[in-house]
Each structure stands twice: as C-alpha cells, then as structure tokens.
Amino acid sequence: MKPQFEALAVKYEGKLKVGGMNTLTGNMRFAISQGVMGLPTIHLFQGGERIFAVSGAVDFQELEKQIDSVVG
C-alpha cells in the first residue's frame, strides 16, 4: 500500500500531508488514543479534526473522492 500512498502524496502535494506510523515501534499508545483497531487505518484531518476514517481494505478511488471533497 505504500506506493499508493506515495502516489497520493505526489498528486496532492501542497494540499495534503501524508504520513505513516508503525505501531510496532512505540506508537501503540497514540494509535489506541486515535481509535485504531485494525490495520491499515486511514484518518483524514482538517483543522485538527478527524473528518474521515476507514480501517481495513482501502478503496483508493473512494479515498480520493473523500480527499477531493476536502482539498478540491
């Protein structure tokens, strides 16, 4: 999935920040605080507020629709 996220980062450069987290290397508390119950989990934030979340298999076309509705 990393290549797809890298492609999204390029496509939305300047409009969207894309980041990743490895929960096995010490980030488990943060993941739990964000309600991450399965992997992968994707959260979209706007102004510090979560506006979209999906866990498990990701439909990248749906994800792009959600991103477009936020960033245009």
C-alpha atoms as a PDB file:
ATOM      1  CA  MET A   1       0.000   0.000   0.000  1.00  0.00           C
ATOM      2  CA  LYS A   2       2.961   2.294   0.479  1.00  0.00           C
ATOM      3  CA  PRO A   3       3.256   3.015  -3.270  1.00  0.00           C
ATOM      4  CA  GLN A   4      -0.399   4.093  -3.418  1.00  0.00           C
ATOM      5  CA  PHE A   5       0.079   6.477  -0.503  1.00  0.00           C
ATOM      6  CA  GLU A   6       3.239   7.857  -2.080  1.00  0.00           C
ATOM      7  CA  ALA A   7       1.251   8.474  -5.273  1.00  0.00           C
ATOM      8  CA  LEU A   8      -1.414  10.327  -3.271  1.00  0.00           C
ATOM      9  CA  ALA A   9       1.293  12.458  -1.650  1.00  0.00           C
ATOM     10  CA  VAL A  10       2.600  13.430  -5.083  1.00  0.00           C
ATOM     11  CA  LYS A  11      -0.867  14.041  -6.559  1.00  0.00           C
ATOM     12  CA  TYR A  12      -1.939  16.298  -3.688  1.00  0.00           C
ATOM     13  CA  GLU A  13       1.420  17.935  -2.989  1.00  0.00           C
ATOM     14  CA  GLY A  14       0.898  21.290  -1.320  1.00  0.00           C
ATOM     15  CA  LYS A  15      -2.702  20.434  -0.454  1.00  0.00           C
ATOM     16  CA  LEU A  16      -2.338  17.334   1.713  1.00  0.00           C
ATOM     17  CA  LYS A  17       0.218  15.974   4.145  1.00  0.00           C
ATOM     18  CA  VAL A  18       0.617  12.211   4.030  1.00  0.00           C
ATOM     19  CA  GLY A  19       2.255  10.379   6.905  1.00  0.00           C
ATOM     20  CA  GLY A  20       2.598   6.875   8.184  1.00  0.00           C
ATOM     21  CA  MET A  21       3.090   5.238  11.519  1.00  0.00           C
ATOM     22  CA  ASN A  22       4.452   1.881  12.565  1.00  0.00           C
ATOM     23  CA  THR A  23       2.532   0.832  15.673  1.00  0.00           C
ATOM     24  CA  LEU A  24       5.087  -1.863  16.442  1.00  0.00           C
ATOM     25  CA  THR A  25       7.880   0.640  17.112  1.00  0.00           C
ATOM     26  CA  GLY A  26       6.497   2.507  20.108  1.00  0.00           C
ATOM     27  CA  ASN A  27       3.468   4.314  18.713  1.00  0.00           C
ATOM     28  CA  MET A  28       0.842   1.944  20.107  1.00  0.00           C
ATOM     29  CA  ARG A  29      -0.470   4.398  22.737  1.00  0.00           C
ATOM     30  CA  PHE A  30      -1.041   7.082  20.131  1.00  0.00           C
ATOM     31  CA  ALA A  31      -2.759   4.607  17.803  1.00  0.00           C
ATOM     32  CA  ILE A  32      -5.061   3.498  20.612  1.00  0.00           C
ATOM     33  CA  SER A  33      -5.823   7.120  21.528  1.00  0.00           C
ATOM     34  CA  GLN A  34      -6.920   7.667  17.916  1.00  0.00           C
ATOM     35  CA  GLY A  35      -9.209   4.639  17.933  1.00  0.00           C
ATOM     36  CA  VAL A  36      -7.087   2.484  15.646  1.00  0.00           C
ATOM     37  CA  MET A  37      -8.454  -1.030  15.978  1.00  0.00           C
ATOM     38  CA  GLY A  38      -7.196  -2.603  12.750  1.00  0.00           C
ATOM     39  CA  LEU A  39      -4.547  -2.156  10.110  1.00  0.00           C
ATOM     40  CA  PRO A  40      -4.351  -0.377   7.863  1.00  0.00           C
ATOM     41  CA  THR A  41      -6.300   2.570   9.251  1.00  0.00           C
ATOM     42  CA  ILE A  42      -6.556   5.873   7.413  1.00  0.00           C
ATOM     43  CA  HIS A  43      -7.634   9.119   9.021  1.00  0.00           C
ATOM     44  CA  LEU A  44      -8.164  12.432   7.229  1.00  0.00           C
ATOM     45  CA  PHE A  45      -7.923  15.534   9.383  1.00  0.00           C
ATOM     46  CA  GLN A  46      -8.894  19.088   8.609  1.00  0.00           C
ATOM     47  CA  GLY A  47      -8.075  21.839  11.056  1.00  0.00           C
ATOM     48  CA  GLY A  48      -7.041  19.223  13.607  1.00  0.00           C
ATOM     49  CA  GLU A  49     -10.426  17.487  13.467  1.00  0.00           C
ATOM     50  CA  ARG A  50     -10.875  13.987  12.062  1.00  0.00           C
ATOM     51  CA  ILE A  51     -13.313  14.178   9.161  1.00  0.00           C
ATOM     52  CA  PHE A  52     -12.934  10.718   7.643  1.00  0.00           C
ATOM     53  CA  ALA A  53     -11.687   7.351   8.854  1.00  0.00           C
ATOM     54  CA  VAL A  54     -11.505   3.899   7.317  1.00  0.00           C
ATOM     55  CA  SER A  55      -9.956   0.701   8.594  1.00  0.00           C
ATOM     56  CA  GLY A  56      -9.068  -2.448   6.712  1.00  0.00           C
ATOM     57  CA  ALA A  57      -9.097  -2.850   2.946  1.00  0.00           C
ATOM     58  CA  VAL A  58      -8.939   0.535   1.256  1.00  0.00           C
ATOM     59  CA  ASP A  59     -10.772   1.518  -1.898  1.00  0.00           C
ATOM     60  CA  PHE A  60      -8.385   4.165  -3.196  1.00  0.00           C
ATOM     61  CA  GLN A  61     -10.994   5.623  -5.553  1.00  0.00           C
ATOM     62  CA  GLU A  62     -13.283   6.260  -2.567  1.00  0.00           C
ATOM     63  CA  LEU A  63     -10.356   7.656  -0.605  1.00  0.00           C
ATOM     64  CA  GLU A  64      -9.553  10.055  -3.452  1.00  0.00           C
ATOM     65  CA  LYS A  65     -13.195  11.192  -3.541  1.00  0.00           C
ATOM     66  CA  GLN A  66     -13.005  11.954   0.170  1.00  0.00           C
ATOM     67  CA  ILE A  67      -9.728  13.840  -0.282  1.00  0.00           C
ATOM     68  CA  ASP A  68     -11.112  15.787  -3.262  1.00  0.00           C
ATOM     69  CA  SER A  69     -14.162  16.808  -1.218  1.00  0.00           C
ATOM     70  CA  VAL A  70     -11.802  18.385   1.307  1.00  0.00           C
ATOM     71  CA  VAL A  71      -8.927  19.815  -0.729  1.00  0.00           C
ATOM     72  CA  GLY A  72     -10.568  20.200  -4.128  1.00  0.00           C
END
